[in-house]
Amino acid sequence: MAQYVTCTPINLKNKFFKEQYDKFEKYNCQMKWDDTASNNSSVGNLFAFVLSDDNMKIHWITKIGDKTDREKHWTERDRNVVFLSKEYFMMTWNDYKEKNGYKETFKMIGTQRLKWKY
């Protein structure tokens, strides 16, 4: 059972998000994304793309890589890379906030690790 979910806000037009989902859907490749600035994600917890349409695509974190696992064209950052399961489920951002005790006005600013009590 996951204790945390690492969340990242995503505009549906984000080219890197589209690229990762294309690799996932068309080529059966494992998805990956940046960890938080604190590099505090862990295997067995969840990772969610909080989409601009108020939906969350939620994956399991299957592996943690270091900055050498970044895509070649990603901006250089001192962040780990989280590898994500192919399976995912969806829920709305508002439903997540309500079930986990966040105020309705809570907004995502950058990638953050949040509590998971679902």
PDB file of N, CA and C in Angstrom:
ATOM      1  N   MET A   1       0.840  -1.187   0.000  1.00  0.00           N
ATOM      2  CA  MET A   1       0.000   0.000   0.000  1.00  0.00           C
ATOM      3  C   MET A   1       0.881   1.245   0.000  1.00  0.00           C
ATOM      4  N   ALA A   2       0.654   2.108  -0.907  1.00  0.00           N
ATOM      5  CA  ALA A   2       1.443   3.332  -1.034  1.00  0.00           C
ATOM      6  C   ALA A   2       1.135   4.306   0.103  1.00  0.00           C
ATOM      7  N   GLN A   3       2.164   5.026   0.535  1.00  0.00           N
ATOM      8  CA  GLN A   3       1.984   6.069   1.540  1.00  0.00           C
ATOM      9  C   GLN A   3       2.009   7.457   0.910  1.00  0.00           C
ATOM     10  N   TYR A   4       2.684   7.559  -0.231  1.00  0.00           N
ATOM     11  CA  TYR A   4       2.864   8.856  -0.881  1.00  0.00           C
ATOM     12  C   TYR A   4       2.596   8.745  -2.370  1.00  0.00           C
ATOM     13  N   VAL A   5       2.286   9.895  -2.940  1.00  0.00           N
ATOM     14  CA  VAL A   5       2.167  10.018  -4.388  1.00  0.00           C
ATOM     15  C   VAL A   5       2.987  11.244  -4.801  1.00  0.00           C
ATOM     16  N   THR A   6       3.925  11.022  -5.709  1.00  0.00           N
ATOM     17  CA  THR A   6       4.675  12.139  -6.272  1.00  0.00           C
ATOM     18  C   THR A   6       3.840  12.679  -7.421  1.00  0.00           C
ATOM     19  N   CYS A   7       3.504  13.967  -7.352  1.00  0.00           N
ATOM     20  CA  CYS A   7       2.621  14.576  -8.344  1.00  0.00           C
ATOM     21  C   CYS A   7       3.360  15.639  -9.129  1.00  0.00           C
ATOM     22  N   THR A   8       3.087  15.686 -10.422  1.00  0.00           N
ATOM     23  CA  THR A   8       3.642  16.739 -11.259  1.00  0.00           C
ATOM     24  C   THR A   8       2.528  17.333 -12.111  1.00  0.00           C
ATOM     25  N   PRO A   9       2.393  18.659 -12.108  1.00  0.00           N
ATOM     26  CA  PRO A   9       1.356  19.284 -12.941  1.00  0.00           C
ATOM     27  C   PRO A   9       1.772  19.236 -14.410  1.00  0.00           C
ATOM     28  N   ILE A  10       0.830  18.901 -15.274  1.00  0.00           N
ATOM     29  CA  ILE A  10       1.128  18.750 -16.701  1.00  0.00           C
ATOM     30  C   ILE A  10       0.073  19.447 -17.547  1.00  0.00           C
ATOM     31  N   ASN A  11       0.538  20.305 -18.431  1.00  0.00           N
ATOM     32  CA  ASN A  11      -0.331  20.853 -19.459  1.00  0.00           C
ATOM     33  C   ASN A  11      -0.468  19.760 -20.521  1.00  0.00           C
ATOM     34  N   LEU A  12      -1.669  19.514 -20.987  1.00  0.00           N
ATOM     35  CA  LEU A  12      -1.889  18.446 -21.968  1.00  0.00           C
ATOM     36  C   LEU A  12      -1.086  18.634 -23.255  1.00  0.00           C
ATOM     37  N   LYS A  13      -0.582  19.825 -23.495  1.00  0.00           N
ATOM     38  CA  LYS A  13       0.216  20.083 -24.701  1.00  0.00           C
ATOM     39  C   LYS A  13       1.713  19.901 -24.451  1.00  0.00           C
ATOM     40  N   ASN A  14       2.100  19.512 -23.250  1.00  0.00           N
ATOM     41  CA  ASN A  14       3.514  19.339 -22.899  1.00  0.00           C
ATOM     42  C   ASN A  14       4.154  18.279 -23.795  1.00  0.00           C
ATOM     43  N   LYS A  15       5.191  18.661 -24.544  1.00  0.00           N
ATOM     44  CA  LYS A  15       5.791  17.757 -25.523  1.00  0.00           C
ATOM     45  C   LYS A  15       6.506  16.573 -24.868  1.00  0.00           C
ATOM     46  N   PHE A  16       7.101  16.762 -23.698  1.00  0.00           N
ATOM     47  CA  PHE A  16       7.794  15.658 -23.040  1.00  0.00           C
ATOM     48  C   PHE A  16       6.801  14.631 -22.500  1.00  0.00           C
ATOM     49  N   PHE A  17       5.667  15.107 -21.999  1.00  0.00           N
ATOM     50  CA  PHE A  17       4.608  14.201 -21.545  1.00  0.00           C
ATOM     51  C   PHE A  17       4.085  13.382 -22.728  1.00  0.00           C
ATOM     52  N   LYS A  18       3.807  14.062 -23.835  1.00  0.00           N
ATOM     53  CA  LYS A  18       3.325  13.364 -25.033  1.00  0.00           C
ATOM     54  C   LYS A  18       4.347  12.340 -25.511  1.00  0.00           C
ATOM     55  N   GLU A  19       5.610  12.714 -25.483  1.00  0.00           N
ATOM     56  CA  GLU A  19       6.679  11.817 -25.921  1.00  0.00           C
ATOM     57  C   GLU A  19       6.716  10.553 -25.056  1.00  0.00           C
ATOM     58  N   GLN A  20       6.623  10.711 -23.734  1.00  0.00           N
ATOM     59  CA  GLN A  20       6.671   9.553 -22.844  1.00  0.00           C
ATOM     60  C   GLN A  20       5.456   8.643 -23.055  1.00  0.00           C
ATOM     61  N   TYR A  21       4.275   9.225 -23.238  1.00  0.00           N
ATOM     62  CA  TYR A  21       3.098   8.394 -23.468  1.00  0.00           C
ATOM     63  C   TYR A  21       3.143   7.728 -24.837  1.00  0.00           C
ATOM     64  N   ASP A  22       3.711   8.382 -25.838  1.00  0.00           N
ATOM     65  CA  ASP A  22       3.878   7.740 -27.149  1.00  0.00           C
ATOM     66  C   ASP A  22       4.797   6.530 -27.033  1.00  0.00           C
ATOM     67  N   LYS A  23       5.909   6.695 -26.325  1.00  0.00           N
ATOM     68  CA  LYS A  23       6.833   5.574 -26.130  1.00  0.00           C
ATOM     69  C   LYS A  23       6.131   4.435 -25.394  1.00  0.00           C
ATOM     70  N   PHE A  24       5.340   4.779 -24.422  1.00  0.00           N
ATOM     71  CA  PHE A  24       4.608   3.821 -23.611  1.00  0.00           C
ATOM     72  C   PHE A  24       3.563   3.083 -24.446  1.00  0.00           C
ATOM     73  N   GLU A  25       2.760   3.820 -25.212  1.00  0.00           N
ATOM     74  CA  GLU A  25       1.657   3.218 -25.956  1.00  0.00           C
ATOM     75  C   GLU A  25       2.096   2.564 -27.264  1.00  0.00           C
ATOM     76  N   LYS A  26       2.977   3.208 -28.020  1.00  0.00           N
ATOM     77  CA  LYS A  26       3.358   2.700 -29.339  1.00  0.00           C
ATOM     78  C   LYS A  26       4.490   1.682 -29.306  1.00  0.00           C
ATOM     79  N   TYR A  27       5.447   1.879 -28.399  1.00  0.00           N
ATOM     80  CA  TYR A  27       6.660   1.072 -28.426  1.00  0.00           C
ATOM     81  C   TYR A  27       6.837   0.196 -27.201  1.00  0.00           C
ATOM     82  N   ASN A  28       5.849   0.186 -26.311  1.00  0.00           N
ATOM     83  CA  ASN A  28       5.878  -0.659 -25.128  1.00  0.00           C
ATOM     84  C   ASN A  28       7.103  -0.397 -24.243  1.00  0.00           C
ATOM     85  N   CYS A  29       7.550   0.841 -24.200  1.00  0.00           N
ATOM     86  CA  CYS A  29       8.698   1.232 -23.375  1.00  0.00           C
ATOM     87  C   CYS A  29       8.211   1.709 -22.011  1.00  0.00           C
ATOM     88  N   GLN A  30       9.065   1.536 -21.018  1.00  0.00           N
ATOM     89  CA  GLN A  30       8.725   2.022 -19.691  1.00  0.00           C
ATOM     90  C   GLN A  30       8.821   3.542 -19.669  1.00  0.00           C
ATOM     91  N   MET A  31       7.857   4.170 -19.010  1.00  0.00           N
ATOM     92  CA  MET A  31       7.868   5.624 -18.886  1.00  0.00           C
ATOM     93  C   MET A  31       8.808   6.044 -17.777  1.00  0.00           C
ATOM     94  N   LYS A  32       9.309   7.281 -17.868  1.00  0.00           N
ATOM     95  CA  LYS A  32      10.122   7.832 -16.797  1.00  0.00           C
ATOM     96  C   LYS A  32       9.896   9.332 -16.720  1.00  0.00           C
ATOM     97  N   TRP A  33      10.208   9.881 -15.538  1.00  0.00           N
ATOM     98  CA  TRP A  33       9.986  11.302 -15.309  1.00  0.00           C
ATOM     99  C   TRP A  33      10.923  11.773 -14.211  1.00  0.00           C
ATOM    100  N   ASP A  34      11.056  13.096 -14.065  1.00  0.00           N
ATOM    101  CA  ASP A  34      11.862  13.672 -12.992  1.00  0.00           C
ATOM    102  C   ASP A  34      11.234  13.405 -11.629  1.00  0.00           C
ATOM    103  N   ASP A  35      12.110  13.195 -10.651  1.00  0.00           N
ATOM    104  CA  ASP A  35      11.692  13.115  -9.257  1.00  0.00           C
ATOM    105  C   ASP A  35      11.470  14.541  -8.744  1.00  0.00           C
ATOM    106  N   THR A  36      11.122  14.669  -7.479  1.00  0.00           N
ATOM    107  CA  THR A  36      10.999  15.980  -6.848  1.00  0.00           C
ATOM    108  C   THR A  36      12.386  16.598  -6.684  1.00  0.00           C
ATOM    109  N   ALA A  37      12.448  17.867  -6.365  1.00  0.00           N
ATOM    110  CA  ALA A  37      13.735  18.530  -6.128  1.00  0.00           C
ATOM    111  C   ALA A  37      14.460  17.900  -4.944  1.00  0.00           C
ATOM    112  N   SER A  38      13.727  17.299  -4.004  1.00  0.00           N
ATOM    113  CA  SER A  38      14.321  16.633  -2.841  1.00  0.00           C
ATOM    114  C   SER A  38      14.708  15.188  -3.133  1.00  0.00           C
ATOM    115  N   ASN A  39      14.385  14.700  -4.331  1.00  0.00           N
ATOM    116  CA  ASN A  39      14.643  13.296  -4.696  1.00  0.00           C
ATOM    117  C   ASN A  39      14.102  12.342  -3.626  1.00  0.00           C
ATOM    118  N   ASN A  40      12.843  12.553  -3.220  1.00  0.00           N
ATOM    119  CA  ASN A  40      12.293  11.761  -2.118  1.00  0.00           C
ATOM    120  C   ASN A  40      11.233  10.741  -2.531  1.00  0.00           C
ATOM    121  N   SER A  41      11.130  10.425  -3.812  1.00  0.00           N
ATOM    122  CA  SER A  41      10.221   9.365  -4.243  1.00  0.00           C
ATOM    123  C   SER A  41      10.857   8.020  -3.931  1.00  0.00           C
ATOM    124  N   SER A  42      10.018   6.985  -3.826  1.00  0.00           N
ATOM    125  CA  SER A  42      10.561   5.657  -3.554  1.00  0.00           C
ATOM    126  C   SER A  42       9.743   4.587  -4.274  1.00  0.00           C
ATOM    127  N   VAL A  43      10.412   3.479  -4.556  1.00  0.00           N
ATOM    128  CA  VAL A  43       9.772   2.346  -5.220  1.00  0.00           C
ATOM    129  C   VAL A  43       8.611   1.866  -4.357  1.00  0.00           C
ATOM    130  N   GLY A  44       7.492   1.561  -5.011  1.00  0.00           N
ATOM    131  CA  GLY A  44       6.308   1.094  -4.304  1.00  0.00           C
ATOM    132  C   GLY A  44       5.313   2.190  -3.985  1.00  0.00           C
ATOM    133  N   ASN A  45       5.749   3.437  -4.080  1.00  0.00           N
ATOM    134  CA  ASN A  45       4.811   4.541  -3.949  1.00  0.00           C
ATOM    135  C   ASN A  45       4.279   4.883  -5.329  1.00  0.00           C
ATOM    136  N   LEU A  46       3.464   5.913  -5.413  1.00  0.00           N
ATOM    137  CA  LEU A  46       2.785   6.260  -6.657  1.00  0.00           C
ATOM    138  C   LEU A  46       3.361   7.525  -7.277  1.00  0.00           C
ATOM    139  N   PHE A  47       3.103   7.675  -8.567  1.00  0.00           N
ATOM    140  CA  PHE A  47       3.468   8.878  -9.295  1.00  0.00           C
ATOM    141  C   PHE A  47       2.256   9.285 -10.112  1.00  0.00           C
ATOM    142  N   ALA A  48       1.897  10.561 -10.065  1.00  0.00           N
ATOM    143  CA  ALA A  48       0.712  11.030 -10.784  1.00  0.00           C
ATOM    144  C   ALA A  48       1.039  12.226 -11.661  1.00  0.00           C
ATOM    145  N   PHE A  49       0.553  12.154 -12.876  1.00  0.00           N
ATOM    146  CA  PHE A  49       0.533  13.320 -13.751  1.00  0.00           C
ATOM    147  C   PHE A  49      -0.792  14.013 -13.475  1.00  0.00           C
ATOM    148  N   VAL A  50      -0.734  15.228 -12.943  1.00  0.00           N
ATOM    149  CA  VAL A  50      -1.946  15.999 -12.666  1.00  0.00           C
ATOM    150  C   VAL A  50      -2.191  16.861 -13.895  1.00  0.00           C
ATOM    151  N   LEU A  51      -3.114  16.416 -14.718  1.00  0.00           N
ATOM    152  CA  LEU A  51      -3.339  17.022 -16.027  1.00  0.00           C
ATOM    153  C   LEU A  51      -4.136  18.312 -15.935  1.00  0.00           C
ATOM    154  N   SER A  52      -3.964  19.160 -16.922  1.00  0.00           N
ATOM    155  CA  SER A  52      -4.642  20.454 -16.937  1.00  0.00           C
ATOM    156  C   SER A  52      -6.158  20.322 -17.098  1.00  0.00           C
ATOM    157  N   ASP A  53      -6.657  19.118 -17.407  1.00  0.00           N
ATOM    158  CA  ASP A  53      -8.109  18.921 -17.495  1.00  0.00           C
ATOM    159  C   ASP A  53      -8.691  18.389 -16.178  1.00  0.00           C
ATOM    160  N   ASP A  54      -7.914  18.470 -15.073  1.00  0.00           N
ATOM    161  CA  ASP A  54      -8.323  18.074 -13.727  1.00  0.00           C
ATOM    162  C   ASP A  54      -8.298  16.564 -13.504  1.00  0.00           C
ATOM    163  N   ASN A  55      -7.713  15.797 -14.397  1.00  0.00           N
ATOM    164  CA  ASN A  55      -7.577  14.363 -14.188  1.00  0.00           C
ATOM    165  C   ASN A  55      -6.160  14.035 -13.757  1.00  0.00           C
ATOM    166  N   MET A  56      -6.031  12.921 -13.055  1.00  0.00           N
ATOM    167  CA  MET A  56      -4.727  12.419 -12.636  1.00  0.00           C
ATOM    168  C   MET A  56      -4.518  11.046 -13.273  1.00  0.00           C
ATOM    169  N   LYS A  57      -3.381  10.862 -13.938  1.00  0.00           N
ATOM    170  CA  LYS A  57      -2.972   9.539 -14.411  1.00  0.00           C
ATOM    171  C   LYS A  57      -1.947   9.047 -13.402  1.00  0.00           C
ATOM    172  N   ILE A  58      -2.289   7.969 -12.702  1.00  0.00           N
ATOM    173  CA  ILE A  58      -1.495   7.526 -11.568  1.00  0.00           C
ATOM    174  C   ILE A  58      -0.829   6.182 -11.888  1.00  0.00           C
ATOM    175  N   HIS A  59       0.485   6.143 -11.702  1.00  0.00           N
ATOM    176  CA  HIS A  59       1.305   4.953 -11.969  1.00  0.00           C
ATOM    177  C   HIS A  59       2.029   4.534 -10.695  1.00  0.00           C
ATOM    178  N   TRP A  60       2.493   3.304 -10.640  1.00  0.00           N
ATOM    179  CA  TRP A  60       3.380   2.840  -9.585  1.00  0.00           C
ATOM    180  C   TRP A  60       4.805   3.227  -9.946  1.00  0.00           C
ATOM    181  N   ILE A  61       5.601   3.578  -8.963  1.00  0.00           N
ATOM    182  CA  ILE A  61       7.034   3.811  -9.179  1.00  0.00           C
ATOM    183  C   ILE A  61       7.713   2.449  -9.060  1.00  0.00           C
ATOM    184  N   THR A  62       8.358   2.014 -10.141  1.00  0.00           N
ATOM    185  CA  THR A  62       8.952   0.678 -10.184  1.00  0.00           C
ATOM    186  C   THR A  62      10.464   0.680  -9.971  1.00  0.00           C
ATOM    187  N   LYS A  63      11.092   1.842 -10.189  1.00  0.00           N
ATOM    188  CA  LYS A  63      12.555   1.921 -10.090  1.00  0.00           C
ATOM    189  C   LYS A  63      12.941   3.388  -9.942  1.00  0.00           C
ATOM    190  N   ILE A  64      14.034   3.632  -9.241  1.00  0.00           N
ATOM    191  CA  ILE A  64      14.591   4.981  -9.137  1.00  0.00           C
ATOM    192  C   ILE A  64      15.960   4.961  -9.819  1.00  0.00           C
ATOM    193  N   GLY A  65      16.132   5.847 -10.779  1.00  0.00           N
ATOM    194  CA  GLY A  65      17.422   5.984 -11.444  1.00  0.00           C
ATOM    195  C   GLY A  65      18.064   7.304 -11.043  1.00  0.00           C
ATOM    196  N   ASP A  66      19.283   7.491 -11.474  1.00  0.00           N
ATOM    197  CA  ASP A  66      19.939   8.766 -11.166  1.00  0.00           C
ATOM    198  C   ASP A  66      19.919   9.664 -12.400  1.00  0.00           C
ATOM    199  N   LYS A  67      20.624  10.790 -12.325  1.00  0.00           N
ATOM    200  CA  LYS A  67      20.555  11.763 -13.420  1.00  0.00           C
ATOM    201  C   LYS A  67      21.131  11.222 -14.728  1.00  0.00           C
ATOM    202  N   THR A  68      21.888  10.135 -14.685  1.00  0.00           N
ATOM    203  CA  THR A  68      22.403   9.550 -15.934  1.00  0.00           C
ATOM    204  C   THR A  68      21.307   8.819 -16.708  1.00  0.00           C
ATOM    205  N   ASP A  69      20.160   8.575 -16.071  1.00  0.00           N
ATOM    206  CA  ASP A  69      19.038   7.907 -16.737  1.00  0.00           C
ATOM    207  C   ASP A  69      18.093   8.882 -17.436  1.00  0.00           C
ATOM    208  N   ARG A  70      18.425  10.156 -17.379  1.00  0.00           N
ATOM    209  CA  ARG A  70      17.570  11.168 -18.012  1.00  0.00           C
ATOM    210  C   ARG A  70      17.605  11.014 -19.533  1.00  0.00           C
ATOM    211  N   GLU A  71      16.524  11.416 -20.182  1.00  0.00           N
ATOM    212  CA  GLU A  71      16.526  11.456 -21.647  1.00  0.00           C
ATOM    213  C   GLU A  71      17.590  12.460 -22.081  1.00  0.00           C
ATOM    214  N   LYS A  72      18.250  12.171 -23.182  1.00  0.00           N
ATOM    215  CA  LYS A  72      19.361  13.016 -23.654  1.00  0.00           C
ATOM    216  C   LYS A  72      18.945  14.469 -23.880  1.00  0.00           C
ATOM    217  N   HIS A  73      17.700  14.695 -24.313  1.00  0.00           N
ATOM    218  CA  HIS A  73      17.246  16.040 -24.655  1.00  0.00           C
ATOM    219  C   HIS A  73      16.574  16.770 -23.488  1.00  0.00           C
ATOM    220  N   TRP A  74      16.476  16.134 -22.313  1.00  0.00           N
ATOM    221  CA  TRP A  74      15.910  16.811 -21.150  1.00  0.00           C
ATOM    222  C   TRP A  74      16.914  17.824 -20.624  1.00  0.00           C
ATOM    223  N   THR A  75      16.412  18.884 -20.031  1.00  0.00           N
ATOM    224  CA  THR A  75      17.268  19.882 -19.397  1.00  0.00           C
ATOM    225  C   THR A  75      18.065  19.204 -18.287  1.00  0.00           C
ATOM    226  N   GLU A  76      19.331  19.568 -18.174  1.00  0.00           N
ATOM    227  CA  GLU A  76      20.159  18.956 -17.136  1.00  0.00           C
ATOM    228  C   GLU A  76      19.720  19.457 -15.770  1.00  0.00           C
ATOM    229  N   ARG A  77      19.433  18.528 -14.882  1.00  0.00           N
ATOM    230  CA  ARG A  77      19.008  18.839 -13.521  1.00  0.00           C
ATOM    231  C   ARG A  77      19.611  17.801 -12.591  1.00  0.00           C
ATOM    232  N   ASP A  78      19.768  18.174 -11.354  1.00  0.00           N
ATOM    233  CA  ASP A  78      20.298  17.243 -10.360  1.00  0.00           C
ATOM    234  C   ASP A  78      19.142  16.526  -9.669  1.00  0.00           C
ATOM    235  N   ARG A  79      18.379  15.789 -10.476  1.00  0.00           N
ATOM    236  CA  ARG A  79      17.225  15.054  -9.954  1.00  0.00           C
ATOM    237  C   ARG A  79      17.308  13.603 -10.371  1.00  0.00           C
ATOM    238  N   ASN A  80      16.801  12.742  -9.496  1.00  0.00           N
ATOM    239  CA  ASN A  80      16.673  11.343  -9.868  1.00  0.00           C
ATOM    240  C   ASN A  80      15.599  11.213 -10.939  1.00  0.00           C
ATOM    241  N   VAL A  81      15.554  10.044 -11.536  1.00  0.00           N
ATOM    242  CA  VAL A  81      14.535   9.719 -12.525  1.00  0.00           C
ATOM    243  C   VAL A  81      13.682   8.594 -11.949  1.00  0.00           C
ATOM    244  N   VAL A  82      12.372   8.768 -11.985  1.00  0.00           N
ATOM    245  CA  VAL A  82      11.476   7.707 -11.537  1.00  0.00           C
ATOM    246  C   VAL A  82      10.986   6.938 -12.766  1.00  0.00           C
ATOM    247  N   PHE A  83      11.050   5.624 -12.677  1.00  0.00           N
ATOM    248  CA  PHE A  83      10.539   4.753 -13.730  1.00  0.00           C
ATOM    249  C   PHE A  83       9.148   4.315 -13.312  1.00  0.00           C
ATOM    250  N   LEU A  84       8.216   4.321 -14.263  1.00  0.00           N
ATOM    251  CA  LEU A  84       6.801   4.144 -13.947  1.00  0.00           C
ATOM    252  C   LEU A  84       6.218   2.879 -14.556  1.00  0.00           C
ATOM    253  N   SER A  85       5.262   2.310 -13.864  1.00  0.00           N
ATOM    254  CA  SER A  85       4.566   1.125 -14.366  1.00  0.00           C
ATOM    255  C   SER A  85       3.774   1.478 -15.619  1.00  0.00           C
ATOM    256  N   LYS A  86       3.520   0.467 -16.411  1.00  0.00           N
ATOM    257  CA  LYS A  86       2.694   0.681 -17.593  1.00  0.00           C
ATOM    258  C   LYS A  86       1.227   0.775 -17.202  1.00  0.00           C
ATOM    259  N   GLU A  87       0.855   0.066 -16.160  1.00  0.00           N
ATOM    260  CA  GLU A  87      -0.518   0.129 -15.694  1.00  0.00           C
ATOM    261  C   GLU A  87      -0.744   1.449 -14.965  1.00  0.00           C
ATOM    262  N   TYR A  88      -1.919   1.979 -15.116  1.00  0.00           N
ATOM    263  CA  TYR A  88      -2.254   3.193 -14.389  1.00  0.00           C
ATOM    264  C   TYR A  88      -3.751   3.239 -14.146  1.00  0.00           C
ATOM    265  N   PHE A  89      -4.128   4.095 -13.238  1.00  0.00           N
ATOM    266  CA  PHE A  89      -5.552   4.339 -13.028  1.00  0.00           C
ATOM    267  C   PHE A  89      -5.748   5.842 -12.967  1.00  0.00           C
ATOM    268  N   MET A  90      -6.992   6.256 -13.044  1.00  0.00           N
ATOM    269  CA  MET A  90      -7.287   7.687 -13.096  1.00  0.00           C
ATOM    270  C   MET A  90      -8.255   8.066 -11.990  1.00  0.00           C
ATOM    271  N   MET A  91      -8.117   9.291 -11.561  1.00  0.00           N
ATOM    272  CA  MET A  91      -9.093   9.915 -10.673  1.00  0.00           C
ATOM    273  C   MET A  91      -9.004  11.412 -10.916  1.00  0.00           C
ATOM    274  N   THR A  92      -9.970  12.165 -10.442  1.00  0.00           N
ATOM    275  CA  THR A  92      -9.887  13.609 -10.632  1.00  0.00           C
ATOM    276  C   THR A  92      -9.025  14.218  -9.536  1.00  0.00           C
ATOM    277  N   TRP A  93      -8.429  15.345  -9.820  1.00  0.00           N
ATOM    278  CA  TRP A  93      -7.606  16.074  -8.857  1.00  0.00           C
ATOM    279  C   TRP A  93      -8.460  16.486  -7.660  1.00  0.00           C
ATOM    280  N   ASN A  94      -9.684  16.957  -7.917  1.00  0.00           N
ATOM    281  CA  ASN A  94     -10.574  17.361  -6.825  1.00  0.00           C
ATOM    282  C   ASN A  94     -10.941  16.180  -5.928  1.00  0.00           C
ATOM    283  N   ASP A  95     -11.174  15.008  -6.519  1.00  0.00           N
ATOM    284  CA  ASP A  95     -11.479  13.812  -5.744  1.00  0.00           C
ATOM    285  C   ASP A  95     -10.272  13.436  -4.876  1.00  0.00           C
ATOM    286  N   TYR A  96      -9.078  13.501  -5.437  1.00  0.00           N
ATOM    287  CA  TYR A  96      -7.862  13.219  -4.671  1.00  0.00           C
ATOM    288  C   TYR A  96      -7.758  14.160  -3.463  1.00  0.00           C
ATOM    289  N   LYS A  97      -7.915  15.470  -3.706  1.00  0.00           N
ATOM    290  CA  LYS A  97      -7.774  16.447  -2.617  1.00  0.00           C
ATOM    291  C   LYS A  97      -8.800  16.186  -1.513  1.00  0.00           C
ATOM    292  N   GLU A  98     -10.023  15.899  -1.901  1.00  0.00           N
ATOM    293  CA  GLU A  98     -11.079  15.649  -0.915  1.00  0.00           C
ATOM    294  C   GLU A  98     -10.771  14.409  -0.074  1.00  0.00           C
ATOM    295  N   LYS A  99     -10.357  13.318  -0.708  1.00  0.00           N
ATOM    296  CA  LYS A  99     -10.092  12.054  -0.002  1.00  0.00           C
ATOM    297  C   LYS A  99      -8.830  12.105   0.848  1.00  0.00           C
ATOM    298  N   ASN A 100      -7.920  13.030   0.553  1.00  0.00           N
ATOM    299  CA  ASN A 100      -6.643  13.087   1.261  1.00  0.00           C
ATOM    300  C   ASN A 100      -6.488  14.311   2.158  1.00  0.00           C
ATOM    301  N   GLY A 101      -7.566  15.053   2.352  1.00  0.00           N
ATOM    302  CA  GLY A 101      -7.572  16.133   3.323  1.00  0.00           C
ATOM    303  C   GLY A 101      -6.918  17.431   2.883  1.00  0.00           C
ATOM    304  N   TYR A 102      -6.798  17.647   1.572  1.00  0.00           N
ATOM    305  CA  TYR A 102      -6.264  18.917   1.076  1.00  0.00           C
ATOM    306  C   TYR A 102      -7.422  19.875   0.812  1.00  0.00           C
ATOM    307  N   LYS A 103      -7.173  21.157   1.015  1.00  0.00           N
ATOM    308  CA  LYS A 103      -8.200  22.160   0.736  1.00  0.00           C
ATOM    309  C   LYS A 103      -8.512  22.187  -0.747  1.00  0.00           C
ATOM    310  N   GLU A 104      -9.737  22.554  -1.059  1.00  0.00           N
ATOM    311  CA  GLU A 104     -10.174  22.639  -2.458  1.00  0.00           C
ATOM    312  C   GLU A 104      -9.295  23.597  -3.251  1.00  0.00           C
ATOM    313  N   THR A 105      -8.748  24.625  -2.603  1.00  0.00           N
ATOM    314  CA  THR A 105      -7.941  25.643  -3.272  1.00  0.00           C
ATOM    315  C   THR A 105      -6.466  25.249  -3.418  1.00  0.00           C
ATOM    316  N   PHE A 106      -6.063  24.077  -2.876  1.00  0.00           N
ATOM    317  CA  PHE A 106      -4.667  23.635  -2.970  1.00  0.00           C
ATOM    318  C   PHE A 106      -4.263  23.481  -4.434  1.00  0.00           C
ATOM    319  N   LYS A 107      -3.121  24.070  -4.794  1.00  0.00           N
ATOM    320  CA  LYS A 107      -2.623  24.035  -6.176  1.00  0.00           C
ATOM    321  C   LYS A 107      -1.251  23.366  -6.221  1.00  0.00           C
ATOM    322  N   MET A 108      -0.993  22.680  -7.314  1.00  0.00           N
ATOM    323  CA  MET A 108       0.325  22.081  -7.550  1.00  0.00           C
ATOM    324  C   MET A 108       1.262  23.148  -8.086  1.00  0.00           C
ATOM    325  N   ILE A 109       2.430  23.257  -7.481  1.00  0.00           N
ATOM    326  CA  ILE A 109       3.481  24.133  -7.999  1.00  0.00           C
ATOM    327  C   ILE A 109       4.729  23.266  -8.104  1.00  0.00           C
ATOM    328  N   GLY A 110       5.027  22.823  -9.295  1.00  0.00           N
ATOM    329  CA  GLY A 110       6.165  21.931  -9.483  1.00  0.00           C
ATOM    330  C   GLY A 110       5.853  20.528  -8.987  1.00  0.00           C
ATOM    331  N   THR A 111       6.843  19.664  -9.099  1.00  0.00           N
ATOM    332  CA  THR A 111       6.690  18.272  -8.690  1.00  0.00           C
ATOM    333  C   THR A 111       6.836  18.175  -7.178  1.00  0.00           C
ATOM    334  N   GLN A 112       5.850  17.530  -6.535  1.00  0.00           N
ATOM    335  CA  GLN A 112       5.820  17.432  -5.071  1.00  0.00           C
ATOM    336  C   GLN A 112       5.414  16.036  -4.631  1.00  0.00           C
ATOM    337  N   ARG A 113       5.917  15.616  -3.480  1.00  0.00           N
ATOM    338  CA  ARG A 113       5.450  14.371  -2.869  1.00  0.00           C
ATOM    339  C   ARG A 113       4.317  14.723  -1.917  1.00  0.00           C
ATOM    340  N   LEU A 114       3.167  14.090  -2.111  1.00  0.00           N
ATOM    341  CA  LEU A 114       1.977  14.336  -1.302  1.00  0.00           C
ATOM    342  C   LEU A 114       1.543  13.047  -0.617  1.00  0.00           C
ATOM    343  N   LYS A 115       0.693  13.178   0.389  1.00  0.00           N
ATOM    344  CA  LYS A 115       0.227  12.003   1.112  1.00  0.00           C
ATOM    345  C   LYS A 115      -0.776  11.216   0.264  1.00  0.00           C
ATOM    346  N   TRP A 116      -0.884   9.937   0.565  1.00  0.00           N
ATOM    347  CA  TRP A 116      -1.812   9.048  -0.128  1.00  0.00           C
ATOM    348  C   TRP A 116      -2.568   8.243   0.912  1.00  0.00           C
ATOM    349  N   LYS A 117      -3.854   8.529   1.033  1.00  0.00           N
ATOM    350  CA  LYS A 117      -4.705   7.801   1.996  1.00  0.00           C
ATOM    351  C   LYS A 117      -5.907   7.209   1.290  1.00  0.00           C
ATOM    352  N   TYR A 118      -5.751   6.768   0.131  1.00  0.00           N
ATOM    353  CA  TYR A 118      -6.899   6.322  -0.668  1.00  0.00           C
ATOM    354  C   TYR A 118      -7.332   4.930  -0.304  1.00  0.00           C
TER     355      TYR A 118
END
